[in-house]
Amino acid sequence: MRHRAKGRQLSRTSSHKKATLNNMATSLFLHGGIQTTEAKAKELRPFAERLITLARRGDLHARRLVERRLKDKAVTTKLFAEIGKRFAARPGGYTRIVKLGHRVGDGADIARIELLAE
């Protein structure tokens, strides 16, 4: 039974899932968009948007909360300096998921998650 169990398991332990989301968020902020499976993209979206909301705040405590998740200092700096400023007037919905079809090898649904321009 999965009563009140939120989120997708992604066939990983909780620590592996947490590390996967941290790494995918780092890549998303570094490159502006990544291609992954649809389930991982849907799981990454609220995770990344919470980090962007913290970057919009911009205070020291928000930076420390983000640095707990993103281990790359350059990406954290980019998040607070560029991405947080870009979405300063937007009340949410910073990412877009575009479905791309099926992967050739195993037929998994592939999607691209990207940051919006504004």
PDB file of N, CA and C in Angstrom:
ATOM      1  N   MET A   1       0.840  -1.183   0.000  1.00  0.00           N
ATOM      2  CA  MET A   1       0.000   0.000   0.000  1.00  0.00           C
ATOM      3  C   MET A   1       0.877   1.235   0.000  1.00  0.00           C
ATOM      4  N   ARG A   2       0.419   2.237  -0.690  1.00  0.00           N
ATOM      5  CA  ARG A   2       1.179   3.484  -0.737  1.00  0.00           C
ATOM      6  C   ARG A   2       0.330   4.652  -0.246  1.00  0.00           C
ATOM      7  N   HIS A   3      -0.342   4.454   0.864  1.00  0.00           N
ATOM      8  CA  HIS A   3      -1.194   5.504   1.403  1.00  0.00           C
ATOM      9  C   HIS A   3      -0.364   6.729   1.745  1.00  0.00           C
ATOM     10  N   ARG A   4      -0.775   7.876   1.241  1.00  0.00           N
ATOM     11  CA  ARG A   4      -0.147   9.174   1.524  1.00  0.00           C
ATOM     12  C   ARG A   4       1.323   9.248   1.130  1.00  0.00           C
ATOM     13  N   ALA A   5       1.767   8.352   0.245  1.00  0.00           N
ATOM     14  CA  ALA A   5       3.141   8.381  -0.233  1.00  0.00           C
ATOM     15  C   ALA A   5       3.192   9.284  -1.454  1.00  0.00           C
ATOM     16  N   LYS A   6       3.878  10.405  -1.342  1.00  0.00           N
ATOM     17  CA  LYS A   6       3.917  11.381  -2.425  1.00  0.00           C
ATOM     18  C   LYS A   6       5.089  11.116  -3.349  1.00  0.00           C
ATOM     19  N   GLY A   7       4.924  11.478  -4.588  1.00  0.00           N
ATOM     20  CA  GLY A   7       6.026  11.402  -5.539  1.00  0.00           C
ATOM     21  C   GLY A   7       6.209  10.027  -6.138  1.00  0.00           C
ATOM     22  N   ARG A   8       7.109   9.975  -7.103  1.00  0.00           N
ATOM     23  CA  ARG A   8       7.411   8.722  -7.788  1.00  0.00           C
ATOM     24  C   ARG A   8       8.653   8.094  -7.181  1.00  0.00           C
ATOM     25  N   GLN A   9       8.692   6.785  -7.174  1.00  0.00           N
ATOM     26  CA  GLN A   9       9.834   6.089  -6.587  1.00  0.00           C
ATOM     27  C   GLN A   9      11.017   6.074  -7.545  1.00  0.00           C
ATOM     28  N   LEU A  10      10.769   6.040  -8.845  1.00  0.00           N
ATOM     29  CA  LEU A  10      11.792   6.019  -9.889  1.00  0.00           C
ATOM     30  C   LEU A  10      12.736   4.826  -9.765  1.00  0.00           C
ATOM     31  N   SER A  11      12.276   3.746  -9.160  1.00  0.00           N
ATOM     32  CA  SER A  11      13.052   2.513  -8.981  1.00  0.00           C
ATOM     33  C   SER A  11      14.391   2.769  -8.307  1.00  0.00           C
ATOM     34  N   ARG A  12      14.390   3.629  -7.285  1.00  0.00           N
ATOM     35  CA  ARG A  12      15.610   3.987  -6.573  1.00  0.00           C
ATOM     36  C   ARG A  12      15.332   4.020  -5.079  1.00  0.00           C
ATOM     37  N   THR A  13      16.396   3.932  -4.307  1.00  0.00           N
ATOM     38  CA  THR A  13      16.255   4.179  -2.882  1.00  0.00           C
ATOM     39  C   THR A  13      16.049   5.675  -2.681  1.00  0.00           C
ATOM     40  N   SER A  14      15.648   6.070  -1.502  1.00  0.00           N
ATOM     41  CA  SER A  14      15.369   7.487  -1.270  1.00  0.00           C
ATOM     42  C   SER A  14      16.632   8.340  -1.402  1.00  0.00           C
ATOM     43  N   SER A  15      17.772   7.837  -0.957  1.00  0.00           N
ATOM     44  CA  SER A  15      19.007   8.612  -1.071  1.00  0.00           C
ATOM     45  C   SER A  15      19.455   8.728  -2.528  1.00  0.00           C
ATOM     46  N   HIS A  16      19.247   7.657  -3.310  1.00  0.00           N
ATOM     47  CA  HIS A  16      19.612   7.687  -4.733  1.00  0.00           C
ATOM     48  C   HIS A  16      18.689   8.641  -5.495  1.00  0.00           C
ATOM     49  N   LYS A  17      17.418   8.633  -5.140  1.00  0.00           N
ATOM     50  CA  LYS A  17      16.462   9.544  -5.783  1.00  0.00           C
ATOM     51  C   LYS A  17      16.813  10.995  -5.465  1.00  0.00           C
ATOM     52  N   LYS A  18      17.181  11.258  -4.214  1.00  0.00           N
ATOM     53  CA  LYS A  18      17.555  12.604  -3.802  1.00  0.00           C
ATOM     54  C   LYS A  18      18.802  13.071  -4.561  1.00  0.00           C
ATOM     55  N   ALA A  19      19.786  12.190  -4.693  1.00  0.00           N
ATOM     56  CA  ALA A  19      21.003  12.532  -5.431  1.00  0.00           C
ATOM     57  C   ALA A  19      20.709  12.754  -6.911  1.00  0.00           C
ATOM     58  N   THR A  20      19.818  11.940  -7.478  1.00  0.00           N
ATOM     59  CA  THR A  20      19.443  12.090  -8.881  1.00  0.00           C
ATOM     60  C   THR A  20      18.784  13.447  -9.121  1.00  0.00           C
ATOM     61  N   LEU A  21      17.862  13.839  -8.256  1.00  0.00           N
ATOM     62  CA  LEU A  21      17.184  15.128  -8.407  1.00  0.00           C
ATOM     63  C   LEU A  21      18.158  16.287  -8.227  1.00  0.00           C
ATOM     64  N   ASN A  22      19.077  16.164  -7.274  1.00  0.00           N
ATOM     65  CA  ASN A  22      20.088  17.207  -7.089  1.00  0.00           C
ATOM     66  C   ASN A  22      20.924  17.384  -8.352  1.00  0.00           C
ATOM     67  N   ASN A  23      21.374  16.277  -8.930  1.00  0.00           N
ATOM     68  CA  ASN A  23      22.211  16.345 -10.132  1.00  0.00           C
ATOM     69  C   ASN A  23      21.428  16.849 -11.342  1.00  0.00           C
ATOM     70  N   MET A  24      20.180  16.416 -11.479  1.00  0.00           N
ATOM     71  CA  MET A  24      19.381  16.874 -12.609  1.00  0.00           C
ATOM     72  C   MET A  24      19.069  18.368 -12.496  1.00  0.00           C
ATOM     73  N   ALA A  25      18.823  18.853 -11.279  1.00  0.00           N
ATOM     74  CA  ALA A  25      18.569  20.280 -11.085  1.00  0.00           C
ATOM     75  C   ALA A  25      19.821  21.090 -11.404  1.00  0.00           C
ATOM     76  N   THR A  26      20.979  20.582 -11.015  1.00  0.00           N
ATOM     77  CA  THR A  26      22.239  21.255 -11.329  1.00  0.00           C
ATOM     78  C   THR A  26      22.414  21.369 -12.836  1.00  0.00           C
ATOM     79  N   SER A  27      22.156  20.287 -13.559  1.00  0.00           N
ATOM     80  CA  SER A  27      22.278  20.306 -15.017  1.00  0.00           C
ATOM     81  C   SER A  27      21.243  21.228 -15.652  1.00  0.00           C
ATOM     82  N   LEU A  28      20.038  21.236 -15.112  1.00  0.00           N
ATOM     83  CA  LEU A  28      18.987  22.109 -15.641  1.00  0.00           C
ATOM     84  C   LEU A  28      19.387  23.575 -15.533  1.00  0.00           C
ATOM     85  N   PHE A  29      19.913  23.972 -14.378  1.00  0.00           N
ATOM     86  CA  PHE A  29      20.292  25.369 -14.185  1.00  0.00           C
ATOM     87  C   PHE A  29      21.553  25.721 -14.975  1.00  0.00           C
ATOM     88  N   LEU A  30      22.436  24.756 -15.161  1.00  0.00           N
ATOM     89  CA  LEU A  30      23.671  25.007 -15.902  1.00  0.00           C
ATOM     90  C   LEU A  30      23.410  25.170 -17.389  1.00  0.00           C
ATOM     91  N   HIS A  31      22.567  24.299 -17.956  1.00  0.00           N
ATOM     92  CA  HIS A  31      22.355  24.277 -19.404  1.00  0.00           C
ATOM     93  C   HIS A  31      21.042  24.927 -19.851  1.00  0.00           C
ATOM     94  N   GLY A  32      20.134  25.185 -18.931  1.00  0.00           N
ATOM     95  CA  GLY A  32      18.866  25.800 -19.297  1.00  0.00           C
ATOM     96  C   GLY A  32      17.799  24.805 -19.701  1.00  0.00           C
ATOM     97  N   GLY A  33      18.159  23.546 -19.900  1.00  0.00           N
ATOM     98  CA  GLY A  33      17.207  22.506 -20.265  1.00  0.00           C
ATOM     99  C   GLY A  33      17.912  21.177 -20.380  1.00  0.00           C
ATOM    100  N   ILE A  34      17.207  20.100 -20.069  1.00  0.00           N
ATOM    101  CA  ILE A  34      17.774  18.757 -20.192  1.00  0.00           C
ATOM    102  C   ILE A  34      16.726  17.813 -20.765  1.00  0.00           C
ATOM    103  N   GLN A  35      17.212  16.752 -21.368  1.00  0.00           N
ATOM    104  CA  GLN A  35      16.335  15.719 -21.917  1.00  0.00           C
ATOM    105  C   GLN A  35      16.425  14.499 -21.009  1.00  0.00           C
ATOM    106  N   THR A  36      15.274  14.004 -20.579  1.00  0.00           N
ATOM    107  CA  THR A  36      15.225  12.883 -19.650  1.00  0.00           C
ATOM    108  C   THR A  36      13.901  12.153 -19.843  1.00  0.00           C
ATOM    109  N   THR A  37      13.634  11.175 -19.005  1.00  0.00           N
ATOM    110  CA  THR A  37      12.351  10.492 -19.113  1.00  0.00           C
ATOM    111  C   THR A  37      11.245  11.397 -18.574  1.00  0.00           C
ATOM    112  N   GLU A  38      10.047  11.129 -19.009  1.00  0.00           N
ATOM    113  CA  GLU A  38       8.913  11.957 -18.620  1.00  0.00           C
ATOM    114  C   GLU A  38       8.670  11.900 -17.112  1.00  0.00           C
ATOM    115  N   ALA A  39       8.819  10.727 -16.505  1.00  0.00           N
ATOM    116  CA  ALA A  39       8.601  10.582 -15.064  1.00  0.00           C
ATOM    117  C   ALA A  39       9.630  11.388 -14.271  1.00  0.00           C
ATOM    118  N   LYS A  40      10.885  11.343 -14.703  1.00  0.00           N
ATOM    119  CA  LYS A  40      11.928  12.115 -14.006  1.00  0.00           C
ATOM    120  C   LYS A  40      11.697  13.609 -14.185  1.00  0.00           C
ATOM    121  N   ALA A  41      11.265  14.026 -15.361  1.00  0.00           N
ATOM    122  CA  ALA A  41      10.999  15.447 -15.603  1.00  0.00           C
ATOM    123  C   ALA A  41       9.856  15.931 -14.717  1.00  0.00           C
ATOM    124  N   LYS A  42       8.807  15.138 -14.587  1.00  0.00           N
ATOM    125  CA  LYS A  42       7.671  15.527 -13.753  1.00  0.00           C
ATOM    126  C   LYS A  42       8.052  15.565 -12.279  1.00  0.00           C
ATOM    127  N   GLU A  43       9.000  14.747 -11.884  1.00  0.00           N
ATOM    128  CA  GLU A  43       9.468  14.728 -10.503  1.00  0.00           C
ATOM    129  C   GLU A  43      10.428  15.900 -10.250  1.00  0.00           C
ATOM    130  N   LEU A  44      11.180  16.282 -11.273  1.00  0.00           N
ATOM    131  CA  LEU A  44      12.157  17.370 -11.147  1.00  0.00           C
ATOM    132  C   LEU A  44      11.494  18.746 -11.100  1.00  0.00           C
ATOM    133  N   ARG A  45      10.380  18.898 -11.780  1.00  0.00           N
ATOM    134  CA  ARG A  45       9.750  20.221 -11.909  1.00  0.00           C
ATOM    135  C   ARG A  45       9.472  20.905 -10.568  1.00  0.00           C
ATOM    136  N   PRO A  46       8.749  20.312  -9.626  1.00  0.00           N
ATOM    137  CA  PRO A  46       8.519  21.018  -8.359  1.00  0.00           C
ATOM    138  C   PRO A  46       9.796  21.210  -7.545  1.00  0.00           C
ATOM    139  N   PHE A  47      10.729  20.274  -7.662  1.00  0.00           N
ATOM    140  CA  PHE A  47      12.004  20.363  -6.957  1.00  0.00           C
ATOM    141  C   PHE A  47      12.780  21.596  -7.426  1.00  0.00           C
ATOM    142  N   ALA A  48      12.889  21.762  -8.750  1.00  0.00           N
ATOM    143  CA  ALA A  48      13.640  22.887  -9.321  1.00  0.00           C
ATOM    144  C   ALA A  48      12.917  24.207  -9.071  1.00  0.00           C
ATOM    145  N   GLU A  49      11.604  24.201  -9.143  1.00  0.00           N
ATOM    146  CA  GLU A  49      10.869  25.446  -8.956  1.00  0.00           C
ATOM    147  C   GLU A  49      10.972  25.948  -7.516  1.00  0.00           C
ATOM    148  N   ARG A  50      11.072  25.041  -6.554  1.00  0.00           N
ATOM    149  CA  ARG A  50      11.300  25.460  -5.172  1.00  0.00           C
ATOM    150  C   ARG A  50      12.654  26.139  -5.028  1.00  0.00           C
ATOM    151  N   LEU A  51      13.663  25.610  -5.713  1.00  0.00           N
ATOM    152  CA  LEU A  51      14.991  26.218  -5.654  1.00  0.00           C
ATOM    153  C   LEU A  51      14.998  27.601  -6.300  1.00  0.00           C
ATOM    154  N   ILE A  52      14.276  27.760  -7.402  1.00  0.00           N
ATOM    155  CA  ILE A  52      14.198  29.070  -8.052  1.00  0.00           C
ATOM    156  C   ILE A  52      13.472  30.066  -7.147  1.00  0.00           C
ATOM    157  N   THR A  53      12.444  29.623  -6.451  1.00  0.00           N
ATOM    158  CA  THR A  53      11.729  30.498  -5.526  1.00  0.00           C
ATOM    159  C   THR A  53      12.653  30.956  -4.406  1.00  0.00           C
ATOM    160  N   LEU A  54      13.507  30.060  -3.921  1.00  0.00           N
ATOM    161  CA  LEU A  54      14.494  30.448  -2.907  1.00  0.00           C
ATOM    162  C   LEU A  54      15.481  31.457  -3.488  1.00  0.00           C
ATOM    163  N   ALA A  55      15.884  31.258  -4.739  1.00  0.00           N
ATOM    164  CA  ALA A  55      16.822  32.185  -5.382  1.00  0.00           C
ATOM    165  C   ALA A  55      16.187  33.556  -5.561  1.00  0.00           C
ATOM    166  N   ARG A  56      14.884  33.599  -5.770  1.00  0.00           N
ATOM    167  CA  ARG A  56      14.190  34.889  -5.877  1.00  0.00           C
ATOM    168  C   ARG A  56      14.265  35.642  -4.562  1.00  0.00           C
ATOM    169  N   ARG A  57      14.207  34.928  -3.447  1.00  0.00           N
ATOM    170  CA  ARG A  57      14.334  35.580  -2.136  1.00  0.00           C
ATOM    171  C   ARG A  57      15.701  36.231  -1.995  1.00  0.00           C
ATOM    172  N   GLY A  58      16.737  35.462  -2.301  1.00  0.00           N
ATOM    173  CA  GLY A  58      18.073  36.020  -2.386  1.00  0.00           C
ATOM    174  C   GLY A  58      18.807  36.270  -1.090  1.00  0.00           C
ATOM    175  N   ASP A  59      18.241  35.921   0.065  1.00  0.00           N
ATOM    176  CA  ASP A  59      18.956  36.171   1.313  1.00  0.00           C
ATOM    177  C   ASP A  59      19.917  35.031   1.645  1.00  0.00           C
ATOM    178  N   LEU A  60      20.659  35.202   2.716  1.00  0.00           N
ATOM    179  CA  LEU A  60      21.703  34.240   3.084  1.00  0.00           C
ATOM    180  C   LEU A  60      21.118  32.878   3.429  1.00  0.00           C
ATOM    181  N   HIS A  61      20.012  32.870   4.148  1.00  0.00           N
ATOM    182  CA  HIS A  61      19.414  31.595   4.526  1.00  0.00           C
ATOM    183  C   HIS A  61      18.928  30.823   3.298  1.00  0.00           C
ATOM    184  N   ALA A  62      18.360  31.536   2.332  1.00  0.00           N
ATOM    185  CA  ALA A  62      17.914  30.888   1.094  1.00  0.00           C
ATOM    186  C   ALA A  62      19.105  30.305   0.348  1.00  0.00           C
ATOM    187  N   ARG A  63      20.224  31.034   0.316  1.00  0.00           N
ATOM    188  CA  ARG A  63      21.427  30.535  -0.353  1.00  0.00           C
ATOM    189  C   ARG A  63      21.934  29.260   0.313  1.00  0.00           C
ATOM    190  N   ARG A  64      21.900  29.230   1.629  1.00  0.00           N
ATOM    191  CA  ARG A  64      22.368  28.034   2.348  1.00  0.00           C
ATOM    192  C   ARG A  64      21.438  26.849   2.111  1.00  0.00           C
ATOM    193  N   LEU A  65      20.143  27.099   2.028  1.00  0.00           N
ATOM    194  CA  LEU A  65      19.198  26.028   1.729  1.00  0.00           C
ATOM    195  C   LEU A  65      19.426  25.468   0.324  1.00  0.00           C
ATOM    196  N   VAL A  66      19.737  26.340  -0.639  1.00  0.00           N
ATOM    197  CA  VAL A  66      19.996  25.890  -2.007  1.00  0.00           C
ATOM    198  C   VAL A  66      21.319  25.127  -2.069  1.00  0.00           C
ATOM    199  N   GLU A  67      22.331  25.595  -1.347  1.00  0.00           N
ATOM    200  CA  GLU A  67      23.639  24.939  -1.381  1.00  0.00           C
ATOM    201  C   GLU A  67      23.594  23.555  -0.760  1.00  0.00           C
ATOM    202  N   ARG A  68      22.580  23.279   0.066  1.00  0.00           N
ATOM    203  CA  ARG A  68      22.410  21.915   0.573  1.00  0.00           C
ATOM    204  C   ARG A  68      22.061  20.957  -0.552  1.00  0.00           C
ATOM    205  N   ARG A  69      21.365  21.475  -1.581  1.00  0.00           N
ATOM    206  CA  ARG A  69      20.935  20.636  -2.701  1.00  0.00           C
ATOM    207  C   ARG A  69      21.920  20.653  -3.857  1.00  0.00           C
ATOM    208  N   LEU A  70      22.373  21.840  -4.253  1.00  0.00           N
ATOM    209  CA  LEU A  70      23.277  21.969  -5.391  1.00  0.00           C
ATOM    210  C   LEU A  70      24.707  22.040  -4.870  1.00  0.00           C
ATOM    211  N   LYS A  71      25.531  21.091  -5.247  1.00  0.00           N
ATOM    212  CA  LYS A  71      26.893  21.027  -4.719  1.00  0.00           C
ATOM    213  C   LYS A  71      27.864  21.893  -5.507  1.00  0.00           C
ATOM    214  N   ASP A  72      27.461  22.392  -6.664  1.00  0.00           N
ATOM    215  CA  ASP A  72      28.326  23.196  -7.518  1.00  0.00           C
ATOM    216  C   ASP A  72      28.118  24.674  -7.194  1.00  0.00           C
ATOM    217  N   LYS A  73      29.169  25.326  -6.677  1.00  0.00           N
ATOM    218  CA  LYS A  73      29.058  26.726  -6.268  1.00  0.00           C
ATOM    219  C   LYS A  73      28.795  27.643  -7.465  1.00  0.00           C
ATOM    220  N   ALA A  74      29.362  27.303  -8.627  1.00  0.00           N
ATOM    221  CA  ALA A  74      29.161  28.137  -9.817  1.00  0.00           C
ATOM    222  C   ALA A  74      27.697  28.126 -10.247  1.00  0.00           C
ATOM    223  N   VAL A  75      27.054  26.976 -10.148  1.00  0.00           N
ATOM    224  CA  VAL A  75      25.644  26.874 -10.518  1.00  0.00           C
ATOM    225  C   VAL A  75      24.778  27.630  -9.503  1.00  0.00           C
ATOM    226  N   THR A  76      25.139  27.552  -8.234  1.00  0.00           N
ATOM    227  CA  THR A  76      24.402  28.302  -7.213  1.00  0.00           C
ATOM    228  C   THR A  76      24.515  29.798  -7.461  1.00  0.00           C
ATOM    229  N   THR A  77      25.711  30.258  -7.807  1.00  0.00           N
ATOM    230  CA  THR A  77      25.917  31.674  -8.114  1.00  0.00           C
ATOM    231  C   THR A  77      25.087  32.087  -9.324  1.00  0.00           C
ATOM    232  N   LYS A  78      25.076  31.238 -10.357  1.00  0.00           N
ATOM    233  CA  LYS A  78      24.278  31.531 -11.554  1.00  0.00           C
ATOM    234  C   LYS A  78      22.789  31.573 -11.214  1.00  0.00           C
ATOM    235  N   LEU A  79      22.343  30.652 -10.368  1.00  0.00           N
ATOM    236  CA  LEU A  79      20.937  30.601  -9.977  1.00  0.00           C
ATOM    237  C   LEU A  79      20.517  31.893  -9.281  1.00  0.00           C
ATOM    238  N   PHE A  80      21.339  32.380  -8.360  1.00  0.00           N
ATOM    239  CA  PHE A  80      20.974  33.583  -7.620  1.00  0.00           C
ATOM    240  C   PHE A  80      21.188  34.856  -8.438  1.00  0.00           C
ATOM    241  N   ALA A  81      22.251  34.899  -9.245  1.00  0.00           N
ATOM    242  CA  ALA A  81      22.573  36.123  -9.982  1.00  0.00           C
ATOM    243  C   ALA A  81      21.707  36.300 -11.228  1.00  0.00           C
ATOM    244  N   GLU A  82      21.491  35.231 -11.979  1.00  0.00           N
ATOM    245  CA  GLU A  82      20.801  35.347 -13.266  1.00  0.00           C
ATOM    246  C   GLU A  82      19.366  34.829 -13.218  1.00  0.00           C
ATOM    247  N   ILE A  83      19.213  33.563 -12.837  1.00  0.00           N
ATOM    248  CA  ILE A  83      17.903  32.918 -12.938  1.00  0.00           C
ATOM    249  C   ILE A  83      16.909  33.518 -11.946  1.00  0.00           C
ATOM    250  N   GLY A  84      17.350  33.756 -10.719  1.00  0.00           N
ATOM    251  CA  GLY A  84      16.469  34.365  -9.726  1.00  0.00           C
ATOM    252  C   GLY A  84      16.011  35.753 -10.135  1.00  0.00           C
ATOM    253  N   LYS A  85      16.921  36.533 -10.717  1.00  0.00           N
ATOM    254  CA  LYS A  85      16.577  37.884 -11.176  1.00  0.00           C
ATOM    255  C   LYS A  85      15.627  37.838 -12.375  1.00  0.00           C
ATOM    256  N   ARG A  86      15.831  36.833 -13.246  1.00  0.00           N
ATOM    257  CA  ARG A  86      14.994  36.723 -14.452  1.00  0.00           C
ATOM    258  C   ARG A  86      13.533  36.471 -14.098  1.00  0.00           C
ATOM    259  N   PHE A  87      13.294  35.684 -13.040  1.00  0.00           N
ATOM    260  CA  PHE A  87      11.928  35.330 -12.663  1.00  0.00           C
ATOM    261  C   PHE A  87      11.422  36.140 -11.466  1.00  0.00           C
ATOM    262  N   ALA A  88      12.022  37.296 -11.205  1.00  0.00           N
ATOM    263  CA  ALA A  88      11.669  38.092 -10.019  1.00  0.00           C
ATOM    264  C   ALA A  88      10.198  38.511 -10.018  1.00  0.00           C
ATOM    265  N   ALA A  89       9.637  38.808 -11.187  1.00  0.00           N
ATOM    266  CA  ALA A  89       8.255  39.285 -11.248  1.00  0.00           C
ATOM    267  C   ALA A  89       7.251  38.164 -11.497  1.00  0.00           C
ATOM    268  N   ARG A  90       7.735  36.944 -11.700  1.00  0.00           N
ATOM    269  CA  ARG A  90       6.847  35.825 -12.043  1.00  0.00           C
ATOM    270  C   ARG A  90       6.478  35.046 -10.775  1.00  0.00           C
ATOM    271  N   PRO A  91       5.200  34.798 -10.522  1.00  0.00           N
ATOM    272  CA  PRO A  91       4.799  34.148  -9.270  1.00  0.00           C
ATOM    273  C   PRO A  91       4.886  32.622  -9.274  1.00  0.00           C
ATOM    274  N   GLY A  92       5.521  32.026 -10.246  1.00  0.00           N
ATOM    275  CA  GLY A  92       5.645  30.568 -10.286  1.00  0.00           C
ATOM    276  C   GLY A  92       5.599  30.091 -11.724  1.00  0.00           C
ATOM    277  N   GLY A  93       5.775  28.796 -11.921  1.00  0.00           N
ATOM    278  CA  GLY A  93       5.740  28.236 -13.256  1.00  0.00           C
ATOM    279  C   GLY A  93       6.950  28.629 -14.074  1.00  0.00           C
ATOM    280  N   TYR A  94       8.128  28.276 -13.586  1.00  0.00           N
ATOM    281  CA  TYR A  94       9.376  28.697 -14.214  1.00  0.00           C
ATOM    282  C   TYR A  94       9.879  27.699 -15.253  1.00  0.00           C
ATOM    283  N   THR A  95       9.299  26.515 -15.299  1.00  0.00           N
ATOM    284  CA  THR A  95       9.786  25.466 -16.197  1.00  0.00           C
ATOM    285  C   THR A  95       8.687  25.007 -17.140  1.00  0.00           C
ATOM    286  N   ARG A  96       9.111  24.343 -18.210  1.00  0.00           N
ATOM    287  CA  ARG A  96       8.191  23.789 -19.205  1.00  0.00           C
ATOM    288  C   ARG A  96       8.645  22.366 -19.487  1.00  0.00           C
ATOM    289  N   ILE A  97       7.689  21.455 -19.619  1.00  0.00           N
ATOM    290  CA  ILE A  97       7.987  20.071 -20.005  1.00  0.00           C
ATOM    291  C   ILE A  97       7.407  19.839 -21.394  1.00  0.00           C
ATOM    292  N   VAL A  98       8.262  19.457 -22.330  1.00  0.00           N
ATOM    293  CA  VAL A  98       7.856  19.185 -23.705  1.00  0.00           C
ATOM    294  C   VAL A  98       8.052  17.696 -23.962  1.00  0.00           C
ATOM    295  N   LYS A  99       6.991  16.997 -24.324  1.00  0.00           N
ATOM    296  CA  LYS A  99       7.091  15.566 -24.579  1.00  0.00           C
ATOM    297  C   LYS A  99       7.690  15.336 -25.962  1.00  0.00           C
ATOM    298  N   LEU A 100       8.652  14.408 -26.060  1.00  0.00           N
ATOM    299  CA  LEU A 100       9.399  14.202 -27.296  1.00  0.00           C
ATOM    300  C   LEU A 100       9.137  12.858 -27.966  1.00  0.00           C
ATOM    301  N   GLY A 101       8.364  11.994 -27.353  1.00  0.00           N
ATOM    302  CA  GLY A 101       8.097  10.692 -27.959  1.00  0.00           C
ATOM    303  C   GLY A 101       8.675   9.564 -27.126  1.00  0.00           C
ATOM    304  N   HIS A 102       9.116   8.503 -27.810  1.00  0.00           N
ATOM    305  CA  HIS A 102       9.597   7.308 -27.134  1.00  0.00           C
ATOM    306  C   HIS A 102      11.073   7.083 -27.421  1.00  0.00           C
ATOM    307  N   ARG A 103      11.788   6.560 -26.426  1.00  0.00           N
ATOM    308  CA  ARG A 103      13.203   6.236 -26.594  1.00  0.00           C
ATOM    309  C   ARG A 103      13.318   4.953 -27.402  1.00  0.00           C
ATOM    310  N   VAL A 104      14.322   4.896 -28.284  1.00  0.00           N
ATOM    311  CA  VAL A 104      14.467   3.759 -29.197  1.00  0.00           C
ATOM    312  C   VAL A 104      14.784   2.473 -28.439  1.00  0.00           C
ATOM    313  N   GLY A 105      15.662   2.527 -27.454  1.00  0.00           N
ATOM    314  CA  GLY A 105      16.126   1.319 -26.789  1.00  0.00           C
ATOM    315  C   GLY A 105      15.062   0.572 -26.014  1.00  0.00           C
ATOM    316  N   ASP A 106      14.321   1.285 -25.162  1.00  0.00           N
ATOM    317  CA  ASP A 106      13.360   0.596 -24.295  1.00  0.00           C
ATOM    318  C   ASP A 106      11.940   1.144 -24.389  1.00  0.00           C
ATOM    319  N   GLY A 107      11.709   2.139 -25.228  1.00  0.00           N
ATOM    320  CA  GLY A 107      10.356   2.659 -25.410  1.00  0.00           C
ATOM    321  C   GLY A 107       9.885   3.592 -24.319  1.00  0.00           C
ATOM    322  N   ALA A 108      10.799   4.042 -23.470  1.00  0.00           N
ATOM    323  CA  ALA A 108      10.408   4.953 -22.398  1.00  0.00           C
ATOM    324  C   ALA A 108       9.981   6.296 -22.992  1.00  0.00           C
ATOM    325  N   ASP A 109       9.020   6.946 -22.345  1.00  0.00           N
ATOM    326  CA  ASP A 109       8.574   8.266 -22.782  1.00  0.00           C
ATOM    327  C   ASP A 109       9.658   9.292 -22.456  1.00  0.00           C
ATOM    328  N   ILE A 110      10.080  10.041 -23.467  1.00  0.00           N
ATOM    329  CA  ILE A 110      11.144  11.021 -23.314  1.00  0.00           C
ATOM    330  C   ILE A 110      10.535  12.418 -23.323  1.00  0.00           C
ATOM    331  N   ALA A 111      11.091  13.301 -22.492  1.00  0.00           N
ATOM    332  CA  ALA A 111      10.626  14.673 -22.423  1.00  0.00           C
ATOM    333  C   ALA A 111      11.818  15.602 -22.217  1.00  0.00           C
ATOM    334  N   ARG A 112      11.618  16.857 -22.571  1.00  0.00           N
ATOM    335  CA  ARG A 112      12.635  17.879 -22.345  1.00  0.00           C
ATOM    336  C   ARG A 112      12.058  18.849 -21.329  1.00  0.00           C
ATOM    337  N   ILE A 113      12.808  19.081 -20.253  1.00  0.00           N
ATOM    338  CA  ILE A 113      12.404  20.082 -19.267  1.00  0.00           C
ATOM    339  C   ILE A 113      13.346  21.260 -19.424  1.00  0.00           C
ATOM    340  N   GLU A 114      12.758  22.458 -19.525  1.00  0.00           N
ATOM    341  CA  GLU A 114      13.572  23.640 -19.791  1.00  0.00           C
ATOM    342  C   GLU A 114      13.049  24.819 -18.996  1.00  0.00           C
ATOM    343  N   LEU A 115      13.931  25.776 -18.746  1.00  0.00           N
ATOM    344  CA  LEU A 115      13.550  27.009 -18.086  1.00  0.00           C
ATOM    345  C   LEU A 115      12.887  27.927 -19.105  1.00  0.00           C
ATOM    346  N   LEU A 116      11.893  28.654 -18.669  1.00  0.00           N
ATOM    347  CA  LEU A 116      11.234  29.592 -19.572  1.00  0.00           C
ATOM    348  C   LEU A 116      12.134  30.797 -19.822  1.00  0.00           C
ATOM    349  N   ALA A 117      11.874  31.501 -20.903  1.00  0.00           N
ATOM    350  CA  ALA A 117      12.722  32.623 -21.286  1.00  0.00           C
ATOM    351  C   ALA A 117      12.568  33.823 -20.343  1.00  0.00           C
ATOM    352  N   GLU A 118      11.383  34.028 -19.825  1.00  0.00           N
ATOM    353  CA  GLU A 118      11.129  35.225 -19.022  1.00  0.00           C
ATOM    354  C   GLU A 118      10.978  34.927 -17.559  1.00  0.00           C
TER     355      GLU A 118
END
